[in-house]
Protein backbone atom coordinates (compact mmCIF):
# COMPACT_ATOMS: atom_id res chain seq x y z
CA PRO A 1 -3.91 10.21 -23.48
CA PRO A 2 -4.89 8.04 -20.48
CA ILE A 3 -1.36 8.03 -19.08
CA GLN A 4 -1.28 11.82 -19.15
CA ALA A 5 -4.57 11.90 -17.24
CA VAL A 6 -2.99 9.75 -14.52
CA HIS A 7 -0.05 12.14 -14.25
CA GLU A 8 -2.38 15.12 -14.00
CA LEU A 9 -4.40 13.41 -11.26
CA LEU A 10 -1.27 12.66 -9.23
CA ARG A 11 -0.25 16.32 -9.43
CA THR A 12 -3.50 17.78 -8.10
CA PRO A 13 -3.64 18.94 -4.45
CA GLU A 14 -6.70 16.70 -3.95
CA CYS A 15 -4.64 13.58 -4.67
CA PRO A 16 -3.81 11.81 -1.38
CA PHE A 17 -0.22 11.34 -2.55
CA HIS A 18 0.27 14.95 -3.70
CA ARG A 19 2.40 16.13 -0.77
CA ASP A 20 4.59 13.02 -0.79
CA LEU A 21 5.22 13.49 -4.50
CA LEU A 22 6.30 17.07 -3.90
CA ILE A 23 8.70 15.94 -1.19
CA GLU A 24 10.14 13.31 -3.51
CA ASP A 25 10.38 15.91 -6.29
CA HIS A 26 12.62 18.06 -4.11
CA ALA A 27 14.82 15.12 -3.16
CA ASP A 28 15.14 13.92 -6.74
CA HIS A 29 16.13 17.34 -7.99
CA GLN A 30 18.72 17.57 -5.22
CA ARG A 31 20.23 14.21 -6.22
CA GLN A 32 20.19 14.28 -10.00
CA ARG A 33 18.41 15.44 -13.09
CA THR A 34 15.97 12.72 -14.13
CA ASP A 35 13.06 12.70 -16.52
CA ARG A 36 10.05 13.91 -14.48
CA LYS A 37 7.72 11.23 -15.84
CA GLN A 38 10.24 8.54 -14.93
CA MET A 39 10.60 9.98 -11.40
CA ILE A 40 6.84 9.89 -10.87
CA CYS A 41 6.74 6.23 -11.86
CA ILE A 42 9.65 5.32 -9.59
CA ARG A 43 8.15 7.12 -6.62
CA ILE A 44 4.73 5.59 -7.03
CA ALA A 45 6.16 2.10 -7.42
CA GLY A 46 8.37 2.60 -4.40
CA GLN A 47 5.74 3.92 -2.02
CA VAL A 48 2.23 3.09 -3.13
CA GLU A 49 0.84 0.37 -5.37
CA ILE A 50 -1.33 2.29 -7.83
CA VAL A 51 -2.84 -0.40 -10.01
CA VAL A 52 -4.42 2.03 -12.44
CA LEU A 53 -1.01 3.48 -13.25
CA HIS A 54 0.53 0.08 -13.92
CA ARG A 55 -2.48 -1.02 -15.98
CA THR A 56 -2.46 2.15 -18.01
CA ILE A 57 1.23 1.73 -18.80
CA LEU A 58 0.75 -1.89 -19.79
CA ALA A 59 -2.33 -1.15 -21.89
CA HIS A 60 -1.16 1.94 -23.73
CA GLY A 61 2.61 1.63 -23.72
CA SER A 62 5.22 4.21 -22.81
CA GLU A 63 8.40 3.29 -24.65
CA GLY A 64 11.36 5.31 -23.47
CA LEU A 65 9.53 6.90 -20.54
CA TYR A 66 9.44 4.22 -17.84
CA PRO A 67 11.93 1.77 -16.36
CA GLN A 68 11.64 -1.66 -17.95
CA ALA A 69 11.09 -3.30 -14.54
CA LEU A 70 7.86 -1.35 -14.18
CA LEU A 71 6.74 -2.22 -17.69
CA ARG A 72 6.96 -5.85 -16.58
CA GLY A 73 4.61 -5.05 -13.70
CA GLN A 74 7.28 -5.19 -11.01
CA THR A 75 7.43 -2.95 -7.96
CA LEU A 76 10.75 -1.48 -6.89
CA MET A 77 11.80 -2.90 -3.52
CA MET A 78 13.61 -1.40 -0.55
CA HIS A 79 13.01 2.18 -1.56
CA ILE A 80 13.36 4.59 1.37
CA PRO A 81 11.31 7.66 0.37
CA ALA A 82 12.63 11.16 1.02
CA LYS A 83 9.77 11.61 3.50
CA ALA A 84 11.21 8.89 5.74
CA ASP A 85 14.79 10.11 5.27
CA TYR A 86 13.84 13.70 6.15
CA GLY A 87 11.82 12.60 9.17
CA VAL A 88 14.55 10.42 10.61
CA ARG A 89 17.15 13.16 10.16
CA ALA A 90 14.95 15.72 11.91
CA LEU A 91 14.39 13.38 14.84
CA LEU A 92 18.12 12.70 15.08
CA VAL A 93 18.71 16.43 15.52
CA LEU A 94 16.07 16.48 18.28
CA ALA A 95 17.73 13.48 19.91
CA GLU A 96 21.10 15.21 19.89
CA SER A 97 19.74 18.59 20.99
CA GLY A 98 17.51 17.53 23.84
CA GLU A 99 15.73 20.89 23.52
CA PRO A 100 12.65 22.03 21.57
CA GLU A 101 13.56 22.99 18.00
CA THR A 102 11.49 24.72 15.33
CA ALA A 103 10.92 23.16 11.92
CA GLU A 104 12.96 25.99 10.40
CA ARG A 105 15.90 25.26 12.69
CA LEU A 106 15.76 21.52 12.01
CA ALA A 107 15.57 22.16 8.28
CA ALA A 108 18.54 24.54 8.38
CA VAL A 109 20.73 22.13 10.33
CA GLN A 110 20.13 19.26 7.92
CA GLY A 111 19.67 21.24 4.71
CA LEU A 112 16.03 20.20 4.27
CA PRO A 113 13.09 22.10 2.72
CA ALA A 114 11.35 23.76 5.69
CA ARG A 115 7.84 23.75 4.27
CA PHE A 116 7.92 20.02 3.62
CA LEU A 117 9.58 19.26 6.94
CA GLY A 118 6.80 21.09 8.77
CA ALA A 119 4.25 18.72 7.24
CA ILE A 120 6.40 15.70 8.10
CA LEU A 121 6.71 16.84 11.71
CA ASN A 122 2.94 17.15 11.89
CA ASP A 123 2.65 13.53 10.77
CA LEU A 124 5.16 12.52 13.43
CA ARG A 125 3.20 14.47 16.02
CA ARG A 126 -0.02 12.68 15.06
CA ALA A 127 1.86 9.39 15.37
CA GLY A 128 2.89 10.33 18.91
CA LEU A 129 6.63 10.50 18.22
CA VAL A 130 7.04 14.23 18.81
CA VAL A 131 5.17 16.88 20.76
CA SER A 132 4.96 20.57 19.93
CA GLN A 133 4.84 23.54 22.24
CA ARG A 134 4.13 27.20 21.65
CA GLY A 135 5.78 30.32 22.99
CA SER A 136 9.26 31.81 22.91
CA GLU A 137 10.71 28.44 23.84
CA GLY A 138 8.40 26.64 21.43
CA GLY A 139 9.17 24.00 18.87
CA TYR A 140 9.19 20.24 18.56
CA ARG A 141 10.73 17.71 20.92
CA LEU A 142 10.71 13.94 21.17
CA SER A 143 7.76 12.51 23.04
CA ARG A 144 9.95 9.76 24.54
CA PRO A 145 13.65 9.26 25.16
CA ALA A 146 15.60 8.74 21.95
CA SER A 147 16.69 5.36 23.30
CA GLU A 148 13.07 4.18 23.10
CA ILE A 149 12.32 5.20 19.50
CA SER A 150 13.43 2.80 16.76
CA LEU A 151 13.99 3.67 13.13
CA ALA A 152 11.30 1.17 12.20
CA GLU A 153 8.74 3.08 14.26
CA VAL A 154 9.59 6.33 12.49
CA ILE A 155 9.45 4.80 9.02
CA ARG A 156 6.13 3.08 9.70
CA ALA A 157 4.65 6.33 11.00
CA LEU A 158 5.59 8.18 7.82
CA VAL A 159 5.31 5.68 4.96
CA GLY A 160 3.66 2.53 6.30
CA PRO A 161 4.85 -1.10 6.59
CA LEU A 162 8.52 -1.89 6.07
CA ALA A 163 7.79 -4.46 3.35
CA GLU A 164 4.78 -4.96 1.11
CA ILE A 165 4.20 -7.09 -1.97
CA ARG A 166 1.74 -5.52 -4.41
CA GLY A 167 0.25 -3.56 -1.50
CA GLN A 168 -0.11 -6.66 0.69
CA ARG A 169 1.78 -7.80 3.76
CA PRO A 170 3.99 -10.83 3.02
CA GLU A 171 2.03 -13.18 5.28
CA VAL A 172 -1.19 -12.74 3.31
CA THR A 173 0.28 -13.33 -0.14
CA GLU A 174 -0.57 -16.62 -1.86
CA TYR A 175 1.30 -18.41 -4.60
CA GLU A 176 0.79 -21.66 -6.45
CA GLY A 177 2.83 -24.12 -8.45
CA ALA A 178 6.49 -23.27 -8.94
CA ALA A 179 6.06 -20.05 -6.92
CA GLU A 180 4.44 -21.61 -3.84
CA ASN A 181 7.57 -21.10 -1.70
CA LEU A 182 8.00 -17.46 -2.70
CA GLN A 183 5.99 -16.24 0.29
CA ASP A 184 8.70 -17.61 2.61
CA VAL A 185 11.28 -15.49 0.80
CA TRP A 186 9.24 -12.29 1.17
CA VAL A 187 8.66 -13.01 4.87
CA ALA A 188 12.41 -13.54 5.27
CA VAL A 189 13.13 -10.23 3.53
CA ARG A 190 10.83 -8.42 5.95
CA SER A 191 12.45 -10.22 8.88
CA ALA A 192 15.88 -9.04 7.69
CA LEU A 193 14.65 -5.43 7.54
CA ARG A 194 13.15 -5.73 11.00
CA GLY A 195 16.41 -7.21 12.25
CA VAL A 196 18.09 -3.88 11.59
CA LEU A 197 15.43 -1.18 11.75
CA GLU A 198 13.58 -2.45 14.84
CA HIS A 199 16.80 -2.76 16.82
CA VAL A 200 18.44 0.56 15.98
CA THR A 201 17.27 3.56 17.99
CA LEU A 202 17.57 7.28 17.38
CA GLU A 203 20.01 7.50 20.27
CA GLN A 204 22.27 4.84 18.80
CA VAL A 205 22.42 6.60 15.44
CA ALA A 206 22.92 10.04 16.98
CA THR A 207 25.78 8.82 19.17
CA GLY A 208 27.31 6.45 16.65
CA SER A 209 26.89 3.47 18.99
CA LEU A 210 25.21 1.11 16.54
CA PRO A 211 24.49 -2.51 17.55
CA GLU A 212 27.31 -4.96 16.85
CA ASN A 213 25.24 -6.95 14.35
CA VAL A 214 24.57 -3.79 12.32
CA VAL A 215 28.22 -2.74 12.41
CA ALA A 216 29.18 -6.23 11.26
CA LEU A 217 26.93 -5.88 8.21
CA THR A 218 28.69 -2.66 7.21
CA LYS A 219 32.12 -4.33 7.51
CA ASN A 220 31.34 -6.53 4.54
CA PRO A 221 32.89 -4.73 1.51
CA ASP A 222 30.20 -6.20 -0.73
CA ALA A 223 27.52 -4.33 1.25
CA TRP A 224 28.80 -1.06 -0.18
CA LYS A 225 28.71 -2.19 -3.80
CA PRO A 226 25.69 -1.80 -6.11
CA HIS A 227 24.33 -5.04 -7.58
């Protein structure tokens, strides 16, 4: 069936999303047991807009296999992929350590899969956030002081823009009629994310000295409740 062909394509090493899917697989299995086909759909919707997947679902149906939100063509919002979570946690260890650390050591400290973390650290190195050195004292270290690296910079380096609508940045979306003001809402959502992630550094997280406005958000009991 066409939907099965899409799944098989996503699972091949040649697929550009193959490694990210494997990382998410590990995280999902660590969290809970979920239908594998459903996990694939959630991950794709959360990280990358794959139109062919959505169109195949809509055209051929998949009752009982996919979340109803996706069957309506919606994309899950504010999904922090495991790749970003793992990367931030590894950098926090480097911020606290102040010394070069191997991928194996970072993985052990945070309970992360070493082989995936090595690939993530390579991405962070290419983005200029860490540097690597060889030898007996080799490993990874931050390229700049932890006080100069924001969470937003790390997330963008690993998974792209903080907020996208159907694969587009909010400012380039266009709506008509009753939805013409929707763009303003999406821009506001991105601004809210930036208001936290661009103003929280690795040093602040590692030392527990979060900005007052971020602490204030966590003091609201409703912030801890699922909606």
